[in-house]
Amino acid sequence: MKEKTDEELMTLLKNGDEGQAILELYNRHSKKVYAYLIRRNPRPIAEDLFQDCFIKIIENKSAWNGQPFQLWLYVILRNIVIDDYRKNNISIKLNEKLRLSGHQENEPEFNVDDMLSTLPNEKAKLLKEYFYEGLSSKELSERHSVTEASLRKRLSRAISMLKGVKK
């Protein structure tokens, strides 16, 4: 029996088969969702937001219009994090967002998305996959067809370029 795609599972979810579809989506994506959230929040908050994410998938299933599921999932995640920050009046500092070394607490805050937009697309994409999606260096090296050592070097260079942007 062929495994259903995320999009086929979302179609089932939309059509009322919530139990099996959400369970399979949870099994496939829970580690990445948790990694995304724990990189941005203390553990108790990340755990609450983690639950909120899968509840939002069910509540907003009618809003899914056939786009790639992972794209839709990360939009939900991003919105959950932003809403939580706004609700709690938390400002996002660079070291909270990317945990770059060398950033001092008394330095001004930065918009990381704006900073990423100044990098070459390949480097910005790599940083987003590593920090936002929570992919490991092994997963990224396989995705980009390079050795892990080469991937780590690329990440290091991208981070160095990003540090140059904040000056």
Protein backbone atom coordinates (compact mmCIF):
# COMPACT_ATOMS: atom_id res chain seq x y z
CA MET A 1 0.00 0.00 0.00
CA LYS A 2 1.38 3.39 -1.03
CA GLU A 3 1.95 5.93 1.72
CA LYS A 4 -0.26 9.00 1.42
CA THR A 5 1.34 12.38 0.81
CA ASP A 6 0.88 15.20 3.30
CA GLU A 7 -1.47 16.85 0.83
CA GLU A 8 -3.60 13.68 0.54
CA LEU A 9 -3.76 13.52 4.33
CA MET A 10 -4.89 17.16 4.46
CA THR A 11 -7.62 16.36 1.96
CA LEU A 12 -8.78 13.52 4.23
CA LEU A 13 -8.63 15.87 7.22
CA LYS A 14 -10.67 18.47 5.36
CA ASN A 15 -13.24 15.83 4.45
CA GLY A 16 -13.76 14.78 8.06
CA ASP A 17 -11.25 11.94 8.60
CA GLU A 18 -9.50 13.84 11.39
CA GLY A 19 -8.22 10.97 13.52
CA GLN A 20 -5.96 9.03 11.16
CA ALA A 21 -4.93 12.04 9.05
CA ILE A 22 -3.84 14.26 11.93
CA LEU A 23 -2.09 11.34 13.63
CA GLU A 24 -0.04 10.64 10.50
CA LEU A 25 0.76 14.34 9.99
CA TYR A 26 1.77 14.53 13.66
CA ASN A 27 4.04 11.49 13.32
CA ARG A 28 5.72 12.94 10.25
CA HIS A 29 6.21 16.52 11.40
CA SER A 30 6.23 16.64 15.21
CA LYS A 31 10.03 16.56 15.58
CA LYS A 32 10.55 19.42 13.13
CA VAL A 33 7.73 21.45 14.66
CA TYR A 34 9.16 20.98 18.15
CA ALA A 35 12.69 21.83 16.95
CA TYR A 36 11.37 25.00 15.34
CA LEU A 37 9.59 26.06 18.53
CA ILE A 38 12.29 25.12 21.05
CA ARG A 39 14.83 27.24 19.15
CA ARG A 40 12.66 30.29 19.75
CA ASN A 41 11.12 29.72 23.16
CA PRO A 42 11.76 28.36 26.63
CA ARG A 43 10.68 24.71 26.95
CA PRO A 44 7.30 25.29 28.73
CA ILE A 45 6.23 27.86 26.15
CA ALA A 46 7.48 25.70 23.27
CA GLU A 47 5.44 22.77 24.58
CA ASP A 48 2.27 24.88 24.75
CA LEU A 49 2.84 26.28 21.27
CA PHE A 50 3.56 22.77 19.99
CA GLN A 51 0.08 21.67 21.03
CA ASP A 52 -1.42 24.86 19.63
CA CYS A 53 0.12 24.12 16.24
CA PHE A 54 -1.68 20.83 15.74
CA ILE A 55 -4.91 22.28 17.11
CA LYS A 56 -4.59 25.12 14.57
CA ILE A 57 -4.13 22.60 11.76
CA ILE A 58 -7.46 21.01 12.68
CA GLU A 59 -9.24 24.33 13.32
CA ASN A 60 -7.97 25.88 10.07
CA LYS A 61 -8.26 22.84 7.81
CA SER A 62 -10.83 24.65 5.68
CA ALA A 63 -8.26 27.39 4.98
CA TRP A 64 -5.85 24.89 3.41
CA ASN A 65 -6.30 25.23 -0.34
CA GLY A 66 -4.02 22.54 -1.73
CA GLN A 67 -0.68 24.32 -1.35
CA PRO A 68 2.29 22.23 -0.18
CA PHE A 69 1.54 21.16 3.37
CA GLN A 70 4.96 21.96 4.80
CA LEU A 71 4.74 25.53 3.53
CA TRP A 72 1.31 25.90 5.12
CA LEU A 73 2.57 24.29 8.34
CA TYR A 74 5.48 26.74 8.67
CA VAL A 75 3.17 29.68 8.05
CA ILE A 76 1.01 28.43 10.94
CA LEU A 77 4.11 27.96 13.12
CA ARG A 78 5.48 31.38 12.32
CA ASN A 79 2.13 32.99 13.09
CA ILE A 80 1.80 31.08 16.39
CA VAL A 81 5.24 32.28 17.50
CA ILE A 82 4.58 35.89 16.44
CA ASP A 83 1.17 35.90 18.13
CA ASP A 84 2.70 34.57 21.34
CA TYR A 85 5.44 37.21 21.27
CA ARG A 86 2.87 39.94 20.69
CA LYS A 87 0.54 38.59 23.35
CA ASN A 88 3.34 38.59 25.90
CA ASN A 89 4.97 41.82 24.67
CA ILE A 90 8.23 40.04 23.98
CA SER A 91 10.67 41.70 21.63
CA ILE A 92 12.75 39.39 19.49
CA LYS A 93 16.46 40.01 19.81
CA LEU A 94 18.98 38.63 17.37
CA ASN A 95 20.49 36.19 19.84
CA GLU A 96 17.03 34.82 20.69
CA LYS A 97 16.23 34.29 17.03
CA LEU A 98 19.44 32.78 15.66
CA ARG A 99 21.56 32.41 18.79
CA LEU A 100 24.58 33.91 17.11
CA SER A 101 27.61 34.28 19.28
CA GLY A 102 29.06 37.70 19.82
CA HIS A 103 25.75 39.52 20.23
CA GLN A 104 25.59 41.50 23.45
CA GLU A 105 22.39 42.02 25.41
CA ASN A 106 22.73 45.81 25.30
CA GLU A 107 22.99 45.93 21.51
CA PRO A 108 19.99 47.16 19.52
CA GLU A 109 17.39 44.70 18.26
CA PHE A 110 17.35 43.57 14.64
CA ASN A 111 14.79 42.18 12.26
CA VAL A 112 16.35 38.86 11.29
CA ASP A 113 14.15 38.37 8.24
CA ASP A 114 15.34 41.73 6.86
CA MET A 115 18.92 40.74 7.57
CA LEU A 116 18.49 37.37 5.85
CA SER A 117 17.10 39.12 2.78
CA THR A 118 20.49 40.84 2.33
CA LEU A 119 22.28 37.51 1.95
CA PRO A 120 22.59 35.55 -1.30
CA ASN A 121 19.52 33.32 -1.69
CA GLU A 122 21.46 30.08 -1.18
CA LYS A 123 22.96 31.25 2.12
CA ALA A 124 19.66 32.65 3.42
CA LYS A 125 17.87 29.43 2.48
CA LEU A 126 20.50 27.35 4.28
CA LEU A 127 20.18 29.40 7.48
CA LYS A 128 16.37 29.19 7.37
CA GLU A 129 16.48 25.42 6.90
CA TYR A 130 18.92 25.03 9.78
CA PHE A 131 17.49 27.51 12.29
CA TYR A 132 13.82 27.82 11.35
CA GLU A 133 13.03 24.30 10.14
CA GLY A 134 15.37 22.68 12.65
CA LEU A 135 17.07 20.41 10.13
CA SER A 136 20.28 18.78 11.31
CA SER A 137 23.57 19.22 9.48
CA LYS A 138 23.25 15.61 8.31
CA GLU A 139 19.77 16.24 6.88
CA LEU A 140 20.96 19.43 5.21
CA SER A 141 24.06 17.78 3.75
CA GLU A 142 21.85 15.11 2.19
CA ARG A 143 19.36 17.70 0.92
CA HIS A 144 22.12 19.79 -0.67
CA SER A 145 24.22 16.80 -1.83
CA VAL A 146 27.38 17.88 0.01
CA THR A 147 29.45 16.41 2.83
CA GLU A 148 28.62 17.39 6.39
CA ALA A 149 31.99 19.14 6.68
CA SER A 150 31.22 21.21 3.59
CA LEU A 151 27.74 21.98 4.91
CA ARG A 152 29.10 23.15 8.28
CA LYS A 153 31.58 25.40 6.45
CA ARG A 154 28.73 26.89 4.39
CA LEU A 155 26.71 27.51 7.56
CA SER A 156 29.71 29.14 9.21
CA ARG A 157 30.25 31.43 6.23
CA ALA A 158 26.56 32.34 6.06
CA ILE A 159 26.54 33.19 9.78
CA SER A 160 29.71 35.28 9.34
CA MET A 161 28.03 37.18 6.50
CA LEU A 162 24.96 37.71 8.70
CA LYS A 163 27.14 39.06 11.50
CA GLY A 164 28.57 41.53 9.00
CA VAL A 165 25.06 42.76 8.18
CA LYS A 166 24.32 43.71 11.81
CA LYS A 167 27.32 46.04 12.07
